[in-house]
Amino acid sequence: MTTHHIQTSSLSYQLFNNPGSAPFWLLIRLYVGYEWFMAGYEKLINPVWFGASAGAALNGFTQGALAKTAGLHPDVSGWYAAFLQSTVLPNVMVWSNLIVVGELMVGLGLIVGLFTGVAAFFGGFMNLNFLLAGTVSTNPVLFVLAIGLVLARRVAGRIGLDHYAAPYLRRLPHATGLRS
């Protein structure tokens, strides 16, 4: 049996795998986490976004996105507009509440450094959806930073709760018999 090794570039190693880059990723993580948490908090205290009467703001946002589907190069693709019409609009209250909770969870996960890679992935996924809905704002910057955090997940949470949770989570599959 032949063993092959793929050599990692020095820059890639220094940025994404070297524990010495943890302070850099801490700053990125705190910035992105703060942005997500504050976006979620602003929506949490706003009854048109969260609660029993939620959905009015998301309905307006979705209608605005649907208005961007015209022309030769629309800001919102037809397939995404179909998703908004068939899935989001009929359940606008549920989606509105999910967005608020999701933003808060991503923000908290990144701020405390727990499940950093997962939190960054879902934050990037939300950024992608906002971009697909034709909203630019800070979404491109946060999306790129989320990709960096996902790639650096092993060191990005090193100065955070991931440092304490990772050893336990590595043993978990062995204890439950999920891995042979």
N, C-alpha and C. Protein backbone atom coordinates (compact mmCIF):
# COMPACT_ATOMS: atom_id res chain seq x y z
N MET A 1 0.85 -1.18 0.00
CA MET A 1 0.00 0.00 0.00
C MET A 1 0.89 1.24 0.00
N THR A 2 0.59 2.14 -0.89
CA THR A 2 1.36 3.36 -1.02
C THR A 2 0.68 4.47 -0.25
N THR A 3 1.46 5.21 0.49
CA THR A 3 0.94 6.34 1.24
C THR A 3 1.36 7.62 0.54
N HIS A 4 0.41 8.49 0.32
CA HIS A 4 0.68 9.77 -0.31
C HIS A 4 0.45 10.88 0.70
N HIS A 5 1.32 11.86 0.68
CA HIS A 5 1.18 13.02 1.56
C HIS A 5 0.99 14.26 0.71
N ILE A 6 0.01 15.04 1.07
CA ILE A 6 -0.21 16.31 0.39
C ILE A 6 0.41 17.39 1.25
N GLN A 7 1.33 18.10 0.66
CA GLN A 7 2.03 19.13 1.41
C GLN A 7 1.20 20.42 1.42
N THR A 8 1.04 20.97 2.59
CA THR A 8 0.31 22.23 2.76
C THR A 8 1.27 23.38 2.53
N SER A 9 0.81 24.41 1.84
CA SER A 9 1.68 25.57 1.64
C SER A 9 1.95 26.25 2.98
N SER A 10 3.04 26.92 3.06
CA SER A 10 3.44 27.59 4.30
C SER A 10 2.41 28.63 4.71
N LEU A 11 1.93 29.42 3.76
CA LEU A 11 0.94 30.45 4.07
C LEU A 11 -0.36 29.83 4.58
N SER A 12 -0.80 28.78 3.90
CA SER A 12 -2.02 28.11 4.33
C SER A 12 -1.87 27.53 5.73
N TYR A 13 -0.74 26.90 5.99
CA TYR A 13 -0.52 26.35 7.33
C TYR A 13 -0.50 27.45 8.38
N GLN A 14 0.26 28.52 8.13
CA GLN A 14 0.38 29.61 9.10
C GLN A 14 -0.97 30.25 9.39
N LEU A 15 -1.80 30.37 8.37
CA LEU A 15 -3.07 31.07 8.53
C LEU A 15 -4.17 30.19 9.12
N PHE A 16 -4.25 28.93 8.70
CA PHE A 16 -5.39 28.10 9.06
C PHE A 16 -5.09 26.99 10.07
N ASN A 17 -3.83 26.64 10.30
CA ASN A 17 -3.51 25.52 11.18
C ASN A 17 -2.57 25.86 12.33
N ASN A 18 -1.82 26.91 12.22
CA ASN A 18 -0.84 27.27 13.24
C ASN A 18 -1.55 27.89 14.45
N PRO A 19 -1.36 27.31 15.63
CA PRO A 19 -1.97 27.88 16.84
C PRO A 19 -1.56 29.34 17.08
N GLY A 20 -0.45 29.75 16.52
CA GLY A 20 -0.01 31.14 16.66
C GLY A 20 -0.94 32.14 15.97
N SER A 21 -1.78 31.65 15.05
CA SER A 21 -2.71 32.55 14.36
C SER A 21 -4.02 32.71 15.15
N ALA A 22 -4.15 32.03 16.29
CA ALA A 22 -5.38 32.11 17.08
C ALA A 22 -5.77 33.53 17.48
N PRO A 23 -4.81 34.40 17.88
CA PRO A 23 -5.22 35.78 18.22
C PRO A 23 -5.82 36.54 17.03
N PHE A 24 -5.28 36.30 15.83
CA PHE A 24 -5.84 36.92 14.63
C PHE A 24 -7.28 36.47 14.42
N TRP A 25 -7.51 35.15 14.51
CA TRP A 25 -8.85 34.62 14.31
C TRP A 25 -9.79 35.01 15.44
N LEU A 26 -9.26 35.23 16.64
CA LEU A 26 -10.09 35.73 17.73
C LEU A 26 -10.68 37.09 17.36
N LEU A 27 -9.86 37.97 16.81
CA LEU A 27 -10.35 39.30 16.41
C LEU A 27 -11.41 39.19 15.32
N ILE A 28 -11.14 38.35 14.32
CA ILE A 28 -12.12 38.15 13.24
C ILE A 28 -13.41 37.56 13.81
N ARG A 29 -13.26 36.56 14.66
CA ARG A 29 -14.41 35.88 15.26
C ARG A 29 -15.26 36.84 16.08
N LEU A 30 -14.61 37.69 16.89
CA LEU A 30 -15.35 38.65 17.71
C LEU A 30 -16.06 39.68 16.85
N TYR A 31 -15.41 40.15 15.80
CA TYR A 31 -16.04 41.13 14.91
C TYR A 31 -17.28 40.53 14.24
N VAL A 32 -17.12 39.36 13.62
CA VAL A 32 -18.23 38.73 12.91
C VAL A 32 -19.33 38.35 13.90
N GLY A 33 -18.95 37.81 15.06
CA GLY A 33 -19.92 37.46 16.08
C GLY A 33 -20.71 38.66 16.58
N TYR A 34 -20.02 39.77 16.79
CA TYR A 34 -20.69 41.00 17.23
C TYR A 34 -21.69 41.47 16.18
N GLU A 35 -21.28 41.46 14.92
CA GLU A 35 -22.18 41.89 13.85
C GLU A 35 -23.44 41.03 13.81
N TRP A 36 -23.28 39.69 13.92
CA TRP A 36 -24.43 38.81 13.90
C TRP A 36 -25.30 38.99 15.14
N PHE A 37 -24.66 39.07 16.30
CA PHE A 37 -25.44 39.19 17.53
C PHE A 37 -26.24 40.49 17.54
N MET A 38 -25.63 41.59 17.15
CA MET A 38 -26.34 42.86 17.16
C MET A 38 -27.47 42.88 16.13
N ALA A 39 -27.25 42.27 14.96
CA ALA A 39 -28.32 42.19 13.96
C ALA A 39 -29.49 41.39 14.52
N GLY A 40 -29.20 40.29 15.20
CA GLY A 40 -30.26 39.48 15.81
C GLY A 40 -30.94 40.19 16.96
N TYR A 41 -30.16 40.90 17.78
CA TYR A 41 -30.74 41.61 18.92
C TYR A 41 -31.68 42.72 18.47
N GLU A 42 -31.27 43.47 17.43
CA GLU A 42 -32.13 44.53 16.91
C GLU A 42 -33.46 43.96 16.42
N LYS A 43 -33.41 42.79 15.83
CA LYS A 43 -34.64 42.15 15.36
C LYS A 43 -35.44 41.56 16.53
N LEU A 44 -34.74 41.05 17.54
CA LEU A 44 -35.41 40.43 18.69
C LEU A 44 -36.31 41.42 19.42
N ILE A 45 -35.87 42.66 19.54
CA ILE A 45 -36.66 43.66 20.27
C ILE A 45 -37.68 44.38 19.39
N ASN A 46 -37.73 43.97 18.11
CA ASN A 46 -38.65 44.59 17.17
C ASN A 46 -39.80 43.62 16.88
N PRO A 47 -41.04 43.95 17.26
CA PRO A 47 -42.15 43.01 17.11
C PRO A 47 -42.48 42.64 15.66
N VAL A 48 -42.04 43.43 14.68
CA VAL A 48 -42.30 43.05 13.29
C VAL A 48 -41.34 41.97 12.82
N TRP A 49 -40.30 41.69 13.61
CA TRP A 49 -39.34 40.62 13.29
C TRP A 49 -39.50 39.39 14.16
N PHE A 50 -39.83 39.58 15.44
CA PHE A 50 -39.83 38.43 16.36
C PHE A 50 -41.06 38.45 17.25
N GLY A 51 -41.64 37.29 17.45
CA GLY A 51 -42.78 37.16 18.34
C GLY A 51 -44.02 36.69 17.59
N ALA A 52 -45.13 36.81 18.26
CA ALA A 52 -46.39 36.31 17.71
C ALA A 52 -46.84 37.09 16.48
N SER A 53 -46.49 38.37 16.38
CA SER A 53 -46.91 39.17 15.22
C SER A 53 -45.75 39.41 14.26
N ALA A 54 -44.74 38.56 14.32
CA ALA A 54 -43.57 38.72 13.45
C ALA A 54 -43.93 38.43 12.01
N GLY A 55 -43.11 38.93 11.13
CA GLY A 55 -43.26 38.62 9.71
C GLY A 55 -43.45 39.82 8.82
N ALA A 56 -43.88 40.94 9.37
CA ALA A 56 -44.13 42.10 8.52
C ALA A 56 -42.84 42.60 7.87
N ALA A 57 -41.76 42.65 8.62
CA ALA A 57 -40.49 43.13 8.07
C ALA A 57 -39.95 42.15 7.02
N LEU A 58 -40.02 40.86 7.32
CA LEU A 58 -39.53 39.87 6.36
C LEU A 58 -40.41 39.84 5.11
N ASN A 59 -41.70 40.07 5.28
CA ASN A 59 -42.59 40.15 4.13
C ASN A 59 -42.17 41.31 3.22
N GLY A 60 -41.89 42.45 3.81
CA GLY A 60 -41.43 43.59 3.01
C GLY A 60 -40.08 43.31 2.35
N PHE A 61 -39.17 42.68 3.09
CA PHE A 61 -37.86 42.32 2.54
C PHE A 61 -38.02 41.36 1.36
N THR A 62 -38.89 40.37 1.52
CA THR A 62 -39.10 39.38 0.47
C THR A 62 -39.77 40.01 -0.75
N GLN A 63 -40.75 40.87 -0.52
CA GLN A 63 -41.39 41.56 -1.65
C GLN A 63 -40.38 42.44 -2.40
N GLY A 64 -39.49 43.07 -1.65
CA GLY A 64 -38.43 43.86 -2.29
C GLY A 64 -37.50 43.00 -3.13
N ALA A 65 -37.18 41.81 -2.63
CA ALA A 65 -36.34 40.89 -3.38
C ALA A 65 -37.05 40.43 -4.65
N LEU A 66 -38.33 40.14 -4.54
CA LEU A 66 -39.10 39.69 -5.71
C LEU A 66 -39.20 40.78 -6.77
N ALA A 67 -39.15 42.04 -6.36
CA ALA A 67 -39.19 43.15 -7.32
C ALA A 67 -37.88 43.26 -8.10
N LYS A 68 -36.84 42.57 -7.64
CA LYS A 68 -35.52 42.65 -8.30
C LYS A 68 -35.30 41.48 -9.27
N THR A 69 -36.38 40.89 -9.77
CA THR A 69 -36.24 39.74 -10.66
C THR A 69 -36.39 40.09 -12.13
N ALA A 70 -36.60 41.35 -12.45
CA ALA A 70 -36.83 41.76 -13.84
C ALA A 70 -35.52 42.14 -14.52
N GLY A 71 -35.56 42.13 -15.82
CA GLY A 71 -34.43 42.59 -16.61
C GLY A 71 -33.55 41.46 -17.10
N LEU A 72 -32.56 41.84 -17.92
CA LEU A 72 -31.66 40.87 -18.52
C LEU A 72 -30.75 40.22 -17.48
N HIS A 73 -30.27 40.99 -16.52
CA HIS A 73 -29.41 40.48 -15.44
C HIS A 73 -30.02 40.88 -14.10
N PRO A 74 -31.03 40.16 -13.65
CA PRO A 74 -31.71 40.55 -12.40
C PRO A 74 -30.83 40.34 -11.18
N ASP A 75 -31.10 41.13 -10.14
CA ASP A 75 -30.37 40.99 -8.87
C ASP A 75 -30.76 39.70 -8.15
N VAL A 76 -31.96 39.20 -8.40
CA VAL A 76 -32.45 37.98 -7.77
C VAL A 76 -32.81 36.98 -8.87
N SER A 77 -32.21 35.81 -8.82
CA SER A 77 -32.45 34.77 -9.83
C SER A 77 -33.86 34.22 -9.72
N GLY A 78 -34.37 33.73 -10.82
CA GLY A 78 -35.72 33.19 -10.85
C GLY A 78 -35.92 32.02 -9.91
N TRP A 79 -34.94 31.13 -9.81
CA TRP A 79 -35.08 29.97 -8.92
C TRP A 79 -35.14 30.40 -7.46
N TYR A 80 -34.38 31.46 -7.11
CA TYR A 80 -34.42 31.92 -5.72
C TYR A 80 -35.73 32.67 -5.45
N ALA A 81 -36.21 33.39 -6.44
CA ALA A 81 -37.51 34.06 -6.31
C ALA A 81 -38.62 33.03 -6.12
N ALA A 82 -38.53 31.90 -6.82
CA ALA A 82 -39.52 30.84 -6.66
C ALA A 82 -39.47 30.27 -5.24
N PHE A 83 -38.26 30.12 -4.70
CA PHE A 83 -38.12 29.66 -3.31
C PHE A 83 -38.76 30.66 -2.35
N LEU A 84 -38.51 31.95 -2.56
CA LEU A 84 -39.09 32.97 -1.69
C LEU A 84 -40.62 32.94 -1.75
N GLN A 85 -41.15 32.81 -2.97
CA GLN A 85 -42.61 32.81 -3.13
C GLN A 85 -43.26 31.55 -2.57
N SER A 86 -42.65 30.40 -2.81
CA SER A 86 -43.30 29.15 -2.43
C SER A 86 -43.02 28.71 -1.00
N THR A 87 -41.89 29.15 -0.42
CA THR A 87 -41.51 28.65 0.89
C THR A 87 -41.49 29.73 1.96
N VAL A 88 -40.94 30.88 1.64
CA VAL A 88 -40.79 31.93 2.66
C VAL A 88 -42.10 32.68 2.88
N LEU A 89 -42.69 33.18 1.82
CA LEU A 89 -43.90 34.00 1.98
C LEU A 89 -45.05 33.28 2.67
N PRO A 90 -45.33 32.02 2.35
CA PRO A 90 -46.44 31.35 3.06
C PRO A 90 -46.16 31.11 4.55
N ASN A 91 -44.90 31.14 4.94
CA ASN A 91 -44.51 30.87 6.32
C ASN A 91 -43.65 32.00 6.87
N VAL A 92 -44.02 33.22 6.56
CA VAL A 92 -43.17 34.37 6.85
C VAL A 92 -42.93 34.55 8.36
N MET A 93 -43.90 34.25 9.20
CA MET A 93 -43.71 34.40 10.64
C MET A 93 -42.65 33.40 11.15
N VAL A 94 -42.74 32.17 10.71
CA VAL A 94 -41.78 31.15 11.13
C VAL A 94 -40.37 31.52 10.67
N TRP A 95 -40.25 31.89 9.40
CA TRP A 95 -38.92 32.26 8.87
C TRP A 95 -38.36 33.49 9.58
N SER A 96 -39.20 34.45 9.89
CA SER A 96 -38.76 35.65 10.58
C SER A 96 -38.17 35.30 11.95
N ASN A 97 -38.89 34.47 12.70
CA ASN A 97 -38.40 34.03 14.01
C ASN A 97 -37.12 33.21 13.87
N LEU A 98 -37.05 32.34 12.86
CA LEU A 98 -35.84 31.54 12.64
C LEU A 98 -34.62 32.41 12.32
N ILE A 99 -34.83 33.45 11.54
CA ILE A 99 -33.73 34.36 11.21
C ILE A 99 -33.20 35.02 12.47
N VAL A 100 -34.09 35.51 13.31
CA VAL A 100 -33.67 36.17 14.55
C VAL A 100 -32.89 35.21 15.44
N VAL A 101 -33.45 34.02 15.68
CA VAL A 101 -32.78 33.04 16.53
C VAL A 101 -31.45 32.62 15.90
N GLY A 102 -31.44 32.42 14.59
CA GLY A 102 -30.21 32.03 13.90
C GLY A 102 -29.11 33.09 14.03
N GLU A 103 -29.48 34.35 13.84
CA GLU A 103 -28.49 35.42 13.97
C GLU A 103 -27.93 35.49 15.38
N LEU A 104 -28.80 35.35 16.38
CA LEU A 104 -28.33 35.38 17.77
C LEU A 104 -27.43 34.19 18.08
N MET A 105 -27.80 32.99 17.62
CA MET A 105 -27.00 31.79 17.89
C MET A 105 -25.64 31.86 17.20
N VAL A 106 -25.62 32.30 15.96
CA VAL A 106 -24.34 32.45 15.25
C VAL A 106 -23.47 33.46 15.98
N GLY A 107 -24.06 34.59 16.35
CA GLY A 107 -23.30 35.62 17.07
C GLY A 107 -22.73 35.11 18.38
N LEU A 108 -23.57 34.45 19.18
CA LEU A 108 -23.09 33.92 20.47
C LEU A 108 -22.03 32.84 20.28
N GLY A 109 -22.26 31.95 19.33
CA GLY A 109 -21.28 30.89 19.07
C GLY A 109 -19.92 31.44 18.70
N LEU A 110 -19.91 32.48 17.88
CA LEU A 110 -18.64 33.08 17.47
C LEU A 110 -18.01 33.90 18.60
N ILE A 111 -18.80 34.61 19.34
CA ILE A 111 -18.26 35.44 20.42
C ILE A 111 -17.60 34.58 21.50
N VAL A 112 -18.26 33.51 21.92
CA VAL A 112 -17.69 32.66 22.98
C VAL A 112 -16.76 31.60 22.42
N GLY A 113 -16.75 31.42 21.10
CA GLY A 113 -15.85 30.46 20.48
C GLY A 113 -16.27 29.02 20.70
N LEU A 114 -17.57 28.74 20.67
CA LEU A 114 -18.07 27.38 20.83
C LEU A 114 -18.69 26.93 19.51
N PHE A 115 -18.24 25.78 19.02
CA PHE A 115 -18.64 25.28 17.70
C PHE A 115 -18.39 26.36 16.64
N THR A 116 -17.19 26.90 16.67
CA THR A 116 -16.83 28.03 15.80
C THR A 116 -17.06 27.72 14.33
N GLY A 117 -16.59 26.58 13.87
CA GLY A 117 -16.75 26.22 12.47
C GLY A 117 -18.21 26.10 12.06
N VAL A 118 -19.02 25.50 12.92
CA VAL A 118 -20.45 25.34 12.65
C VAL A 118 -21.14 26.71 12.63
N ALA A 119 -20.84 27.53 13.62
CA ALA A 119 -21.45 28.87 13.68
C ALA A 119 -21.06 29.70 12.46
N ALA A 120 -19.79 29.64 12.08
CA ALA A 120 -19.34 30.40 10.91
C ALA A 120 -20.00 29.88 9.64
N PHE A 121 -20.15 28.56 9.53
CA PHE A 121 -20.81 27.98 8.36
C PHE A 121 -22.24 28.51 8.23
N PHE A 122 -23.01 28.45 9.32
CA PHE A 122 -24.39 28.90 9.25
C PHE A 122 -24.49 30.42 9.07
N GLY A 123 -23.54 31.17 9.62
CA GLY A 123 -23.51 32.60 9.36
C GLY A 123 -23.25 32.87 7.88
N GLY A 124 -22.29 32.16 7.30
CA GLY A 124 -22.01 32.30 5.87
C GLY A 124 -23.21 31.89 5.02
N PHE A 125 -23.91 30.84 5.46
CA PHE A 125 -25.11 30.40 4.74
C PHE A 125 -26.18 31.49 4.75
N MET A 126 -26.37 32.14 5.89
CA MET A 126 -27.34 33.24 5.95
C MET A 126 -26.88 34.40 5.08
N ASN A 127 -25.56 34.72 5.11
CA ASN A 127 -25.04 35.78 4.23
C ASN A 127 -25.33 35.46 2.77
N LEU A 128 -25.11 34.21 2.39
CA LEU A 128 -25.35 33.80 1.01
C LEU A 128 -26.82 33.98 0.64
N ASN A 129 -27.72 33.63 1.54
CA ASN A 129 -29.14 33.81 1.26
C ASN A 129 -29.52 35.28 1.14
N PHE A 130 -28.95 36.13 1.97
CA PHE A 130 -29.23 37.56 1.86
C PHE A 130 -28.67 38.11 0.54
N LEU A 131 -27.50 37.62 0.14
CA LEU A 131 -26.94 38.03 -1.15
C LEU A 131 -27.81 37.56 -2.31
N LEU A 132 -28.30 36.32 -2.24
CA LEU A 132 -29.17 35.80 -3.28
C LEU A 132 -30.48 36.58 -3.36
N ALA A 133 -30.88 37.19 -2.23
CA ALA A 133 -32.10 38.01 -2.21
C ALA A 133 -31.82 39.44 -2.67
N GLY A 134 -30.60 39.68 -3.14
CA GLY A 134 -30.27 40.99 -3.72
C GLY A 134 -29.84 42.05 -2.73
N THR A 135 -29.47 41.65 -1.52
CA THR A 135 -29.04 42.60 -0.50
C THR A 135 -27.53 42.52 -0.34
N VAL A 136 -26.86 43.65 -0.54
CA VAL A 136 -25.40 43.64 -0.44
C VAL A 136 -24.99 43.98 0.99
N SER A 137 -25.12 45.21 1.43
CA SER A 137 -24.77 45.64 2.78
C SER A 137 -23.41 45.09 3.19
N THR A 138 -23.31 44.49 4.38
CA THR A 138 -22.04 43.93 4.85
C THR A 138 -21.92 42.44 4.50
N ASN A 139 -22.90 41.90 3.80
CA ASN A 139 -22.93 40.47 3.53
C ASN A 139 -21.71 39.93 2.79
N PRO A 140 -21.18 40.60 1.77
CA PRO A 140 -19.99 40.03 1.11
C PRO A 140 -18.79 39.93 2.05
N VAL A 141 -18.57 40.95 2.86
CA VAL A 141 -17.44 40.94 3.80
C VAL A 141 -17.63 39.85 4.84
N LEU A 142 -18.81 39.76 5.43
CA LEU A 142 -19.07 38.74 6.44
C LEU A 142 -19.01 37.34 5.84
N PHE A 143 -19.41 37.19 4.58
CA PHE A 143 -19.34 35.89 3.91
C PHE A 143 -17.90 35.44 3.74
N VAL A 144 -17.04 36.34 3.29
CA VAL A 144 -15.62 36.00 3.11
C VAL A 144 -14.98 35.69 4.46
N LEU A 145 -15.28 36.47 5.48
CA LEU A 145 -14.73 36.19 6.81
C LEU A 145 -15.25 34.86 7.36
N ALA A 146 -16.51 34.52 7.06
CA ALA A 146 -17.07 33.24 7.50
C ALA A 146 -16.33 32.08 6.84
N ILE A 147 -16.01 32.22 5.56
CA ILE A 147 -15.24 31.17 4.88
C ILE A 147 -13.88 31.00 5.56
N GLY A 148 -13.23 32.11 5.89
CA GLY A 148 -11.96 32.04 6.60
C GLY A 148 -12.10 31.35 7.94
N LEU A 149 -13.14 31.66 8.68
CA LEU A 149 -13.36 31.03 9.99
C LEU A 149 -13.64 29.54 9.86
N VAL A 150 -14.36 29.15 8.83
CA VAL A 150 -14.60 27.72 8.62
C VAL A 150 -13.29 27.01 8.30
N LEU A 151 -12.48 27.61 7.43
CA LEU A 151 -11.19 27.00 7.08
C LEU A 151 -10.25 26.95 8.29
N ALA A 152 -10.34 27.92 9.16
CA ALA A 152 -9.46 28.00 10.34
C ALA A 152 -10.13 27.46 11.59
N ARG A 153 -11.16 26.66 11.44
CA ARG A 153 -11.96 26.23 12.59
C ARG A 153 -11.14 25.57 13.69
N ARG A 154 -10.04 24.92 13.35
CA ARG A 154 -9.23 24.23 14.37
C ARG A 154 -8.49 25.21 15.27
N VAL A 155 -8.17 26.38 14.75
CA VAL A 155 -7.46 27.38 15.58
C VAL A 155 -8.33 28.58 15.91
N ALA A 156 -9.42 28.79 15.17
CA ALA A 156 -10.25 29.98 15.38
C ALA A 156 -10.94 29.97 16.74
N GLY A 157 -11.24 28.79 17.27
CA GLY A 157 -11.89 28.70 18.57
C GLY A 157 -10.93 28.34 19.69
N ARG A 158 -9.64 28.34 19.37
CA ARG A 158 -8.63 27.97 20.37
C ARG A 158 -8.65 28.89 21.58
N ILE A 159 -8.87 30.18 21.33
CA ILE A 159 -9.04 31.13 22.42
C ILE A 159 -10.55 31.30 22.60
N GLY A 160 -11.15 30.31 23.19
CA GLY A 160 -12.59 30.27 23.36
C GLY A 160 -13.00 28.93 23.93
N LEU A 161 -14.29 28.68 23.97
CA LEU A 161 -14.80 27.46 24.56
C LEU A 161 -14.49 26.21 23.74
N ASP A 162 -14.20 26.37 22.46
CA ASP A 162 -13.80 25.21 21.65
C ASP A 162 -12.55 24.53 22.23
N HIS A 163 -11.68 25.32 22.83
CA HIS A 163 -10.46 24.77 23.43
C HIS A 163 -10.79 23.72 24.48
N TYR A 164 -11.87 23.96 25.22
CA TYR A 164 -12.28 23.04 26.28
C TYR A 164 -13.23 21.95 25.77
N ALA A 165 -14.03 22.27 24.78
CA ALA A 165 -15.01 21.31 24.27
C ALA A 165 -14.40 20.31 23.29
N ALA A 166 -13.38 20.71 22.55
CA ALA A 166 -12.81 19.84 21.51
C ALA A 166 -12.31 18.50 22.03
N PRO A 167 -11.56 18.45 23.13
CA PRO A 167 -11.11 17.13 23.60
C PRO A 167 -12.27 16.21 23.96
N TYR A 168 -13.31 16.76 24.56
CA TYR A 168 -14.49 15.96 24.90
C TYR A 168 -15.19 15.46 23.64
N LEU A 169 -15.35 16.34 22.66
CA LEU A 169 -16.05 15.98 21.44
C LEU A 169 -15.27 14.95 20.62
N ARG A 170 -13.92 14.99 20.70
CA ARG A 170 -13.11 13.99 20.00
C ARG A 170 -13.30 12.61 20.60
N ARG A 171 -13.55 12.52 21.90
CA ARG A 171 -13.76 11.22 22.56
C ARG A 171 -15.18 10.72 22.39
N LEU A 172 -16.12 11.59 22.11
CA LEU A 172 -17.53 11.23 22.05
C LEU A 172 -17.85 10.10 21.08
N PRO A 173 -17.37 10.12 19.83
CA PRO A 173 -17.70 9.00 18.92
C PRO A 173 -17.20 7.66 19.43
N HIS A 174 -16.06 7.63 20.13
CA HIS A 174 -15.54 6.38 20.67
C HIS A 174 -16.44 5.88 21.79
N ALA A 175 -16.92 6.78 22.62
CA ALA A 175 -17.74 6.40 23.77
C ALA A 175 -19.11 5.88 23.33
N THR A 176 -19.63 6.39 22.23
CA THR A 176 -20.96 5.98 21.78
C THR A 176 -20.90 4.83 20.79
N GLY A 177 -19.71 4.45 20.35
CA GLY A 177 -19.56 3.36 19.40
C GLY A 177 -19.86 3.76 17.97
N LEU A 178 -19.91 5.08 17.68
CA LEU A 178 -20.19 5.53 16.33
C LEU A 178 -19.01 5.30 15.40
N ARG A 179 -17.83 5.25 15.93
CA ARG A 179 -16.64 5.06 15.11
C ARG A 179 -16.04 3.71 15.48
N SER A 180 -15.62 2.96 14.48
CA SER A 180 -15.03 1.65 14.79
C SER A 180 -13.52 1.67 14.74
